[in-house]
Protein backbone atom coordinates (compact mmCIF):
# COMPACT_ATOMS: atom_id res chain seq x y z
CA UNK A 1 153.38 37.99 102.83
CA UNK A 2 155.67 39.49 105.45
CA UNK A 3 159.02 37.77 106.03
CA UNK A 4 159.67 36.89 109.70
CA UNK A 5 163.15 38.05 110.72
CA UNK A 6 163.22 37.48 114.46
CA UNK A 7 161.26 37.89 117.66
CA UNK A 8 160.79 40.17 120.64
CA UNK A 9 162.91 38.89 123.54
CA UNK A 10 162.17 41.76 125.93
CA UNK A 11 160.23 45.02 126.31
CA UNK A 12 161.70 47.65 128.61
CA UNK A 13 160.52 50.98 130.01
CA UNK A 14 161.79 53.82 132.20
CA UNK A 15 160.04 56.88 133.57
CA UNK A 16 163.15 59.06 133.24
CA UNK A 17 166.15 59.29 130.93
CA UNK A 18 169.63 58.11 131.89
CA UNK A 19 168.53 55.04 133.88
CA UNK A 20 168.34 51.32 133.12
CA UNK A 21 164.94 50.35 131.77
CA UNK A 22 162.78 47.82 133.60
CA UNK A 23 161.26 44.77 131.84
CA UNK A 24 157.51 44.58 131.19
CA UNK A 25 155.51 41.71 129.64
CA UNK A 26 153.83 43.92 127.06
CA UNK A 27 153.79 47.53 126.01
CA UNK A 28 151.36 49.87 124.31
CA UNK A 29 153.08 51.64 121.43
CA UNK A 30 151.39 54.85 120.32
CA UNK A 31 151.40 56.09 116.71
CA UNK A 32 153.90 58.93 116.15
CA UNK A 33 154.94 58.79 119.84
CA UNK A 34 156.48 55.49 121.01
CA UNK A 35 156.08 53.35 124.12
CA UNK A 36 153.39 54.74 126.43
CA UNK A 37 154.88 56.13 129.68
CA UNK A 38 158.50 55.76 128.48
CA UNK A 39 160.87 58.71 129.03
CA UNK A 40 162.29 58.51 125.49
CA UNK A 41 158.93 58.54 123.70
CA UNK A 42 157.83 61.70 121.94
CA UNK A 43 157.21 63.35 118.60
CA UNK A 44 160.70 62.84 117.17
CA UNK A 45 162.62 60.33 115.03
CA UNK A 46 163.94 58.18 117.93
CA UNK A 47 160.63 57.08 119.48
CA UNK A 48 161.63 53.44 120.05
CA UNK A 49 165.09 51.95 120.56
CA UNK A 50 165.93 48.35 119.66
CA UNK A 51 168.98 46.22 120.43
CA UNK A 52 169.63 42.59 119.52
CA UNK A 53 170.33 40.00 122.21
CA UNK A 54 173.19 38.90 119.95
CA UNK A 55 174.77 42.36 120.43
CA UNK A 56 174.35 42.10 124.21
CA UNK A 57 175.97 38.64 124.07
CA UNK A 58 179.05 40.20 122.38
CA UNK A 59 179.49 42.50 125.37
CA UNK A 60 179.08 39.56 127.76
CA UNK A 61 181.81 37.70 125.86
CA UNK A 62 184.06 40.75 126.40
CA UNK A 63 183.70 40.24 130.14
CA UNK A 64 180.85 42.58 131.03
CA UNK A 65 178.86 40.91 133.79
CA UNK A 66 175.19 41.26 134.71
CA UNK A 67 173.89 42.30 131.30
CA UNK A 68 170.23 41.70 130.61
CA UNK A 69 167.37 43.15 128.60
CA UNK A 70 167.08 46.90 129.24
CA UNK A 71 170.64 47.52 130.49
CA UNK A 72 171.41 49.51 127.35
CA UNK A 73 168.16 51.50 127.76
CA UNK A 74 166.62 49.78 124.75
CA UNK A 75 162.82 49.57 124.56
CA UNK A 76 162.81 46.32 122.62
CA UNK A 77 165.38 43.54 122.90
CA UNK A 78 165.26 41.28 119.84
CA UNK A 79 166.63 37.88 118.87
CA UNK A 80 167.37 36.34 115.49
CA UNK A 81 167.77 39.62 113.59
CA UNK A 82 170.87 41.69 112.78
CA UNK A 83 169.28 45.07 113.44
CA UNK A 84 172.19 47.34 112.50
CA UNK A 85 172.24 45.89 108.97
CA UNK A 86 168.68 47.08 108.25
CA UNK A 87 168.68 50.19 106.06
CA UNK A 88 167.07 53.40 107.32
CA UNK A 89 163.53 53.42 105.94
CA UNK A 90 162.95 49.68 106.51
CA UNK A 91 159.40 48.94 107.69
CA UNK A 92 159.00 46.37 110.45
CA UNK A 93 155.86 44.72 111.80
CA UNK A 94 156.48 44.17 115.51
CA UNK A 95 153.49 42.68 117.33
CA UNK A 96 150.49 44.80 116.31
CA UNK A 97 152.66 47.78 115.29
CA UNK A 98 154.34 48.99 112.12
CA UNK A 99 157.60 50.85 112.73
CA UNK A 100 160.06 52.56 110.41
CA UNK A 101 163.82 52.39 110.99
CA UNK A 102 164.97 56.02 111.33
CA UNK A 103 168.54 55.81 112.70
CA UNK A 104 171.32 53.27 113.18
CA UNK A 105 173.37 53.80 116.33
CA UNK A 106 173.90 56.89 118.47
CA UNK A 107 176.54 58.53 120.62
CA UNK A 108 176.73 57.22 124.17
CA UNK A 109 175.90 59.87 126.75
CA UNK A 110 178.89 61.01 128.81
CA UNK A 111 178.07 58.88 131.85
CA UNK A 112 177.48 55.57 130.03
CA UNK A 113 178.22 52.94 132.69
CA UNK A 114 178.95 50.21 130.12
CA UNK A 115 181.47 52.38 128.25
CA UNK A 116 183.16 53.29 131.54
CA UNK A 117 183.42 49.63 132.59
CA UNK A 118 184.60 48.14 129.28
CA UNK A 119 185.89 51.05 127.23
CA UNK A 120 183.15 50.69 124.64
CA UNK A 121 179.41 50.23 124.35
CA UNK A 122 177.46 48.30 121.72
CA UNK A 123 174.50 50.71 121.41
CA UNK A 124 176.37 53.34 119.32
CA UNK A 125 177.13 50.80 116.57
CA UNK A 126 174.41 48.17 116.78
CA UNK A 127 171.35 49.77 118.36
CA UNK A 128 168.65 51.14 116.07
CA UNK A 129 165.79 53.58 116.41
CA UNK A 130 162.31 53.58 114.91
CA UNK A 131 159.22 55.71 114.77
CA UNK A 132 155.78 54.17 115.22
CA UNK A 133 153.66 54.40 112.05
CA UNK A 134 150.83 52.19 113.36
CA UNK A 135 150.33 51.77 117.08
CA UNK A 136 149.32 48.69 119.05
CA UNK A 137 150.42 46.17 121.66
CA UNK A 138 153.79 44.40 121.55
CA UNK A 139 154.33 41.35 123.76
CA UNK A 140 157.45 39.36 124.62
CA UNK A 141 157.62 36.53 122.07
CA UNK A 142 155.93 38.46 119.24
CA UNK A 143 157.35 38.03 115.72
CA UNK A 144 159.32 40.79 113.99
CA UNK A 145 158.63 40.80 110.26
CA UNK A 146 159.85 42.75 107.29
CA UNK A 147 156.87 44.56 105.80
CA UNK A 148 156.68 43.73 102.11
CA UNK A 149 157.01 46.87 100.05
CA UNK A 150 154.23 47.55 97.61
CA UNK A 151 156.61 48.50 94.81
């Protein structure tokens, strides 16, 4: 039985890189590619980006105004799960998909608006990336579960 860790709070998409992603009610996630029609999808190890609402809340507490799902260019905003503590290789069931954690954090690009406003950004430390092992639909409100290993 899979252990539920949290839930999907938001799904976000953008047609080009370097812009804030826009919220959508559901997304089609394609095996070995990522979110259909998203600029960051592709055949690489960072197909899907995830960031916890709890991480966004930390930035809000630091005085950053107007933060919402997608502002950090994450595809999936989560709640109830400490994403950056999941080891690389962790398998997650998110909606109909199975995704593997491939990277924790990343460098902010040089023009990161959040970093310029506050002096730091949460994505480099607390955002995570996955690749899609099994595709399917993910909807806002879907459960995020730890896939039980078969060892």
